[in-house]
Protein backbone atom coordinates (compact mmCIF):
# COMPACT_ATOMS: atom_id res chain seq x y z
CA UNK A 1 0.18 -0.06 0.09
CA UNK A 2 1.31 3.65 -0.79
CA UNK A 3 -0.02 6.67 0.99
CA UNK A 4 0.42 10.44 0.05
CA UNK A 5 0.66 12.55 2.80
CA UNK A 6 -0.63 16.04 2.24
CA UNK A 7 0.09 18.82 4.13
CA UNK A 8 0.05 22.86 3.85
CA UNK A 9 4.16 23.02 3.90
CA UNK A 10 6.85 21.73 6.10
CA UNK A 11 7.77 24.54 8.28
CA UNK A 12 8.19 23.83 11.86
CA UNK A 13 4.75 23.17 13.31
CA UNK A 14 3.02 20.20 15.34
CA UNK A 15 1.51 18.36 12.52
CA UNK A 16 4.98 18.67 10.73
CA UNK A 17 6.67 17.24 13.90
CA UNK A 18 3.96 14.60 14.21
CA UNK A 19 4.33 13.52 10.89
CA UNK A 20 8.05 13.27 10.95
CA UNK A 21 8.04 11.13 14.31
CA UNK A 22 5.12 8.87 13.08
CA UNK A 23 6.01 8.07 9.29
CA UNK A 24 9.24 6.24 9.66
CA UNK A 25 7.46 3.92 12.09
CA UNK A 26 4.80 2.96 9.84
CA UNK A 27 5.02 0.18 7.71
CA UNK A 28 3.67 1.06 4.12
CA UNK A 29 5.11 3.12 1.16
CA UNK A 30 4.80 6.96 1.49
CA UNK A 31 5.54 10.49 0.34
CA UNK A 32 4.88 13.74 1.20
CA UNK A 33 3.22 16.46 -1.02
CA UNK A 34 3.25 20.06 0.29
CA UNK A 35 0.75 22.73 -0.89
CA UNK A 36 3.19 25.38 -0.76
CA UNK A 37 7.01 26.02 -1.09
CA UNK A 38 7.95 25.88 2.87
CA UNK A 39 10.63 23.69 3.29
CA UNK A 40 12.36 23.81 6.51
CA UNK A 41 11.89 20.20 7.37
CA UNK A 42 12.38 18.67 3.75
CA UNK A 43 16.08 17.33 4.61
CA UNK A 44 14.99 16.08 7.70
CA UNK A 45 12.08 13.84 5.59
CA UNK A 46 14.12 13.00 3.18
CA UNK A 47 16.99 11.71 5.45
CA UNK A 48 14.49 9.45 6.60
CA UNK A 49 13.85 7.98 3.12
CA UNK A 50 10.47 9.84 2.15
CA UNK A 51 10.26 11.98 -0.82
CA UNK A 52 8.94 15.15 -0.70
CA UNK A 53 6.99 17.41 -3.63
CA UNK A 54 6.13 21.03 -3.45
CA UNK A 55 2.61 22.11 -5.35
CA UNK A 56 3.86 25.91 -4.90
CA UNK A 57 0.07 27.05 -4.27
CA UNK A 58 -0.57 30.56 -4.10
CA UNK A 59 -4.15 32.46 -4.35
CA UNK A 60 -3.12 32.94 -8.10
CA UNK A 61 -2.38 29.42 -9.52
CA UNK A 62 -4.95 26.82 -8.04
CA UNK A 63 -5.25 25.45 -11.76
CA UNK A 64 -1.71 24.73 -12.01
CA UNK A 65 -1.30 23.18 -8.64
CA UNK A 66 -4.35 21.11 -9.45
CA UNK A 67 -2.43 20.28 -12.71
CA UNK A 68 0.96 19.44 -10.63
CA UNK A 69 -0.92 17.08 -8.11
CA UNK A 70 -2.49 15.09 -10.88
CA UNK A 71 0.93 14.34 -12.28
CA UNK A 72 2.44 13.63 -9.21
CA UNK A 73 -0.63 11.26 -8.25
CA UNK A 74 0.05 9.80 -11.90
CA UNK A 75 3.58 8.99 -10.80
CA UNK A 76 3.34 7.74 -7.70
CA UNK A 77 -0.18 5.92 -7.89
CA UNK A 78 -1.06 6.06 -4.10
CA UNK A 79 -3.96 4.04 -2.71
CA UNK A 80 -4.76 6.66 -0.40
CA UNK A 81 -4.57 10.11 0.67
CA UNK A 82 -3.94 11.27 4.14
CA UNK A 83 -4.53 14.95 4.36
CA UNK A 84 -3.23 17.41 7.33
CA UNK A 85 -4.39 20.91 8.48
CA UNK A 86 -7.74 22.62 6.96
CA UNK A 87 -6.10 24.07 3.32
CA UNK A 88 -5.11 20.41 2.76
CA UNK A 89 -8.28 18.67 3.93
CA UNK A 90 -10.15 20.87 1.46
CA UNK A 91 -7.58 20.57 -1.42
CA UNK A 92 -7.53 16.91 -1.04
CA UNK A 93 -11.11 16.32 -1.66
CA UNK A 94 -10.84 17.68 -5.49
CA UNK A 95 -9.07 13.93 -6.32
CA UNK A 96 -11.06 10.89 -6.45
CA UNK A 97 -8.55 8.90 -4.49
CA UNK A 98 -9.72 7.42 -0.92
CA UNK A 99 -8.88 9.97 1.57
CA UNK A 100 -8.32 10.30 5.29
CA UNK A 101 -8.54 14.05 6.59
CA UNK A 102 -7.04 14.67 9.72
CA UNK A 103 -8.06 17.53 11.90
CA UNK A 104 -5.77 18.99 14.49
CA UNK A 105 -7.35 22.23 15.60
CA UNK A 106 -10.92 23.94 16.02
CA UNK A 107 -11.03 26.19 12.81
CA UNK A 108 -14.15 27.90 13.99
CA UNK A 109 -12.60 31.27 13.98
CA UNK A 110 -11.50 30.93 10.25
CA UNK A 111 -15.02 31.27 9.20
CA UNK A 112 -14.66 31.20 5.30
CA UNK A 113 -12.26 28.36 5.09
CA UNK A 114 -14.28 26.47 7.54
CA UNK A 115 -17.79 26.99 5.61
CA UNK A 116 -15.67 25.47 2.51
CA UNK A 117 -14.47 22.90 4.75
CA UNK A 118 -17.95 21.96 5.95
CA UNK A 119 -19.43 21.70 2.63
CA UNK A 120 -17.16 19.76 0.75
CA UNK A 121 -17.09 16.78 3.11
CA UNK A 122 -18.20 14.15 0.74
CA UNK A 123 -17.54 10.61 -0.52
CA UNK A 124 -14.94 7.99 0.84
CA UNK A 125 -13.77 9.81 3.52
CA UNK A 126 -12.49 9.16 7.32
CA UNK A 127 -12.05 11.94 9.87
CA UNK A 128 -9.09 11.55 12.48
CA UNK A 129 -9.06 14.12 15.39
CA UNK A 130 -5.90 14.26 17.74
CA UNK A 131 -7.83 14.66 20.83
CA UNK A 132 -11.66 13.71 22.26
CA UNK A 133 -11.59 17.81 23.06
CA UNK A 134 -12.25 18.24 19.01
CA UNK A 135 -15.50 16.33 19.37
CA UNK A 136 -17.60 19.41 20.01
CA UNK A 137 -16.01 21.19 17.01
CA UNK A 138 -16.69 18.04 14.58
CA UNK A 139 -20.52 17.97 16.21
CA UNK A 140 -21.20 21.59 15.66
CA UNK A 141 -19.57 21.51 11.87
CA UNK A 142 -22.22 18.42 11.64
CA UNK A 143 -19.47 15.95 10.22
CA UNK A 144 -20.84 12.84 8.43
CA UNK A 145 -17.86 10.93 8.00
CA UNK A 146 -16.72 8.39 10.35
CA UNK A 147 -14.59 10.00 13.24
CA UNK A 148 -11.44 8.22 14.76
CA UNK A 149 -9.54 9.55 17.78
CA UNK A 150 -5.46 9.03 17.50
CA UNK A 151 -3.48 11.30 19.92
CA UNK A 152 -0.23 12.27 19.68
CA UNK A 153 2.48 9.90 21.06
CA UNK A 154 5.87 10.41 22.46
CA UNK A 155 8.94 8.12 21.70
CA UNK A 156 10.64 7.70 25.06
CA UNK A 157 13.56 6.05 23.29
CA UNK A 158 14.16 8.97 21.60
CA UNK A 159 13.51 11.92 24.42
CA UNK A 160 17.46 11.58 25.10
CA UNK A 161 18.71 15.04 25.54
CA UNK A 162 22.61 15.64 25.56
CA UNK A 163 23.16 16.19 29.37
CA UNK A 164 26.52 18.38 28.38
CA UNK A 165 24.22 20.85 26.72
CA UNK A 166 23.66 23.66 29.02
CA UNK A 167 21.60 26.81 27.79
CA UNK A 168 23.01 29.23 30.19
CA UNK A 169 25.97 29.52 28.72
CA UNK A 170 24.60 30.80 25.25
CA UNK A 171 22.48 33.40 26.92
CA UNK A 172 24.67 34.52 30.01
CA UNK A 173 22.04 33.13 32.76
CA UNK A 174 23.52 33.03 36.08
CA UNK A 175 23.48 29.42 37.48
CA UNK A 176 21.47 30.55 40.55
CA UNK A 177 18.52 31.73 38.23
CA UNK A 178 15.59 29.62 37.33
CA UNK A 179 14.53 28.97 33.60
CA UNK A 180 11.23 28.96 32.56
CA UNK A 181 10.63 27.65 28.67
CA UNK A 182 7.55 28.27 26.51
CA UNK A 183 7.86 26.33 22.78
CA UNK A 184 5.39 27.85 20.70
CA UNK A 185 4.92 29.84 17.53
CA UNK A 186 4.77 33.17 17.66
CA UNK A 187 0.87 33.78 17.01
CA UNK A 188 -1.72 35.38 18.77
CA UNK A 189 -3.47 31.93 19.74
CA UNK A 190 -0.42 30.76 21.52
CA UNK A 191 -0.81 33.38 24.20
CA UNK A 192 2.83 34.59 24.09
CA UNK A 193 1.82 38.10 24.72
CA UNK A 194 -0.02 37.27 27.50
CA UNK A 195 2.87 35.30 28.96
CA UNK A 196 5.19 38.27 28.52
CA UNK A 197 2.67 40.47 30.25
CA UNK A 198 2.29 38.10 33.12
CA UNK A 199 6.23 37.43 33.35
CA UNK A 200 6.80 41.03 34.30
CA UNK A 201 5.79 40.37 37.86
CA UNK A 202 8.15 37.48 38.17
CA UNK A 203 11.07 37.76 40.60
CA UNK A 204 14.43 39.06 38.88
CA UNK A 205 16.47 35.56 39.21
CA UNK A 206 13.78 33.95 36.86
CA UNK A 207 14.34 34.13 32.97
CA UNK A 208 11.97 33.33 30.40
CA UNK A 209 12.99 31.44 27.03
CA UNK A 210 10.87 31.43 23.98
CA UNK A 211 11.49 29.14 21.46
CA UNK A 212 9.47 29.33 18.06
CA UNK A 213 8.98 32.10 15.31
CA UNK A 214 5.91 33.26 13.59
CA UNK A 215 4.23 36.27 12.33
CA UNK A 216 2.97 37.90 15.30
CA UNK A 217 6.44 39.56 17.11
CA UNK A 218 5.49 40.44 20.96
CA UNK A 219 6.17 43.44 22.73
CA UNK A 220 8.78 42.79 25.73
CA UNK A 221 8.58 45.82 28.35
CA UNK A 222 11.90 47.29 29.15
CA UNK A 223 12.19 46.26 32.60
CA UNK A 224 12.46 42.57 31.85
CA UNK A 225 14.11 42.71 28.45
CA UNK A 226 17.18 41.47 29.72
CA UNK A 227 15.38 38.22 31.21
CA UNK A 228 13.38 37.32 28.00
CA UNK A 229 15.23 35.66 25.36
CA UNK A 230 13.88 35.03 21.85
CA UNK A 231 15.34 31.60 20.41
CA UNK A 232 13.07 31.38 17.51
CA UNK A 233 13.37 28.12 15.37
CA UNK A 234 15.72 25.46 17.10
CA UNK A 235 16.52 21.75 16.28
CA UNK A 236 17.95 21.16 19.94
CA UNK A 237 14.47 21.93 21.41
CA UNK A 238 14.67 18.63 23.69
CA UNK A 239 18.18 19.85 25.12
CA UNK A 240 16.70 23.18 25.91
CA UNK A 241 14.01 21.88 27.79
CA UNK A 242 15.92 19.38 29.60
CA UNK A 243 18.00 22.58 30.95
CA UNK A 244 14.95 24.39 31.98
CA UNK A 245 13.20 24.27 35.28
CA UNK A 246 9.40 24.76 34.22
CA UNK A 247 7.56 24.69 31.07
CA UNK A 248 5.06 27.20 30.30
CA UNK A 249 2.07 27.13 27.54
CA UNK A 250 -0.59 29.90 27.69
CA UNK A 251 -2.17 29.29 24.32
CA UNK A 252 -5.79 30.06 24.12
CA UNK A 253 -6.04 27.23 21.37
CA UNK A 254 -4.64 23.95 20.91
CA UNK A 255 -5.11 20.77 19.22
CA UNK A 256 -2.61 18.65 21.17
CA UNK A 257 0.70 20.22 22.14
CA UNK A 258 3.78 18.12 21.16
CA UNK A 259 5.83 20.46 23.07
CA UNK A 260 3.84 20.15 26.34
CA UNK A 261 4.22 16.15 25.63
CA UNK A 262 7.78 16.46 25.21
CA UNK A 263 8.29 18.65 28.48
CA UNK A 264 6.11 16.13 30.34
CA UNK A 265 8.28 13.29 29.09
CA UNK A 266 11.43 15.09 30.09
CA UNK A 267 9.56 15.07 33.91
CA UNK A 268 9.30 19.12 33.88
CA UNK A 269 6.75 20.36 35.81
CA UNK A 270 4.44 22.27 33.34
CA UNK A 271 1.95 25.56 33.72
CA UNK A 272 -0.70 25.57 31.14
CA UNK A 273 -3.51 27.40 30.29
CA UNK A 274 -7.16 26.77 31.62
CA UNK A 275 -8.51 25.15 28.08
CA UNK A 276 -9.71 21.59 27.61
CA UNK A 277 -6.91 20.44 25.04
CA UNK A 278 -4.22 21.25 27.74
CA UNK A 279 -6.67 19.85 30.89
CA UNK A 280 -6.54 16.48 28.90
CA UNK A 281 -2.74 16.31 29.50
CA UNK A 282 -2.44 18.00 32.93
CA UNK A 283 -4.29 17.82 36.14
CA UNK A 284 -3.82 20.57 38.37
CA UNK A 285 -1.71 20.07 41.40
CA UNK A 286 -1.39 16.48 40.18
CA UNK A 287 1.11 16.33 37.48
CA UNK A 288 1.06 20.29 36.90
CA UNK A 289 -0.24 23.52 37.51
CA UNK A 290 -3.29 25.26 35.54
CA UNK A 291 -2.75 28.94 35.05
CA UNK A 292 -5.60 31.16 35.99
CA UNK A 293 -5.37 34.95 35.95
CA UNK A 294 -6.67 35.47 39.44
CA UNK A 295 -3.67 33.22 40.52
CA UNK A 296 -1.23 34.86 38.43
CA UNK A 297 1.79 33.69 36.82
CA UNK A 298 4.46 34.36 39.48
CA UNK A 299 2.39 32.27 42.09
CA UNK A 300 2.11 29.52 39.65
CA UNK A 301 5.87 29.38 38.93
CA UNK A 302 6.46 29.27 42.77
CA UNK A 303 4.01 26.25 43.10
CA UNK A 304 5.51 24.44 39.93
CA UNK A 305 9.03 24.82 41.71
CA UNK A 306 7.93 24.03 44.79
CA UNK A 307 6.35 20.59 43.87
CA UNK A 308 8.73 20.09 40.86
CA UNK A 309 9.49 16.49 41.81
CA UNK A 310 5.85 15.49 42.22
CA UNK A 311 4.56 17.18 38.89
CA UNK A 312 7.52 16.06 36.99
CA UNK A 313 7.08 12.37 38.17
CA UNK A 314 3.64 12.26 37.52
CA UNK A 315 3.87 14.09 34.24
CA UNK A 316 6.15 11.51 32.84
CA UNK A 317 3.99 8.73 34.15
CA UNK A 318 1.10 10.05 32.34
CA UNK A 319 2.94 10.24 29.01
CA UNK A 320 4.23 6.33 29.50
CA UNK A 321 0.51 5.09 30.57
CA UNK A 322 -1.22 6.83 27.94
CA UNK A 323 0.58 8.58 25.02
CA UNK A 324 3.60 6.57 24.00
CA UNK A 325 4.31 6.67 20.20
CA UNK A 326 3.96 2.60 19.59
CA UNK A 327 0.42 3.03 20.81
CA UNK A 328 -0.12 5.83 18.35
CA UNK A 329 1.71 3.76 15.57
CA UNK A 330 -0.59 0.96 16.42
CA UNK A 331 -3.86 2.92 16.20
CA UNK A 332 -2.92 4.28 12.90
CA UNK A 333 -1.94 1.19 11.22
CA UNK A 334 -5.52 -0.31 12.01
CA UNK A 335 -7.05 2.75 11.05
CA UNK A 336 -5.55 2.38 7.58
CA UNK A 337 -6.36 -1.30 7.27
CA UNK A 338 -10.10 -0.62 7.97
CA UNK A 339 -9.87 2.18 5.53
CA UNK A 340 -8.89 0.05 2.64
CA UNK A 341 -11.60 -2.77 3.32
């Protein structure tokens, strides 16, 4: 069996990182097609033996991208298209190949795209969600296709940080200071500006690392500029997390955060926003801290550091017992077999 994985682009994001971890572990033939020309992760896919194509789609050349896709499908002759992210899900429906549409977020705020997505659902299709918290969105959209839940997974054998790595030296952070790290795109839905606003009130011996890039550059008040460090896109995220004392994610919208799951697998105490997707992974005062504005970030950090051992141990246990990649792969392979019957 051969599967075409269709995705918007191979810049660094949750869906892209998920595919990079998942695909080498699956047994079928595969190749990746990107709607746009963003290719940050191309080399990493190709190093794993996965061929990558780009359609160069923009708002002016849908016909050309369609023709390119027809040519690729003719060359590769896949049995199935598995599409990721809303643009790719819509584009996949232009072709008669059996398909799986993976839904990894609530797109209600993208009104035009969500409308098109809702009214183009037809034919031989399975929809996959990575979190049961997306079911209200699917029900609101009156999805008629079969829905399968397959959560993201972590390969604990691959969470092996370089113990000699020390992020403090790179940013001249004193050894006596504590490091709070956020791994998230610089996008309004990730709550980075809210995080920085809250960080103003933290103690002067606490530094904030923000790992990720994006279109929304947050404003940093002058009084904390020397304690807020932007690392942008990095390939050594595991090492950075391992050098940190606390992980924080104050997003107002999520699918299922790979970065949060990696931090939990590293036994980091985690502080997360009070949204269903984060609360699926983090239980307040059990394996982390649920941020509430009435409590404030400084108090959450203090609590996370005070109960660091308890939260870290229980966070690791949550991943080990419920979200291992081997189980994700098994569920995915079973779904593929069912889809082709």
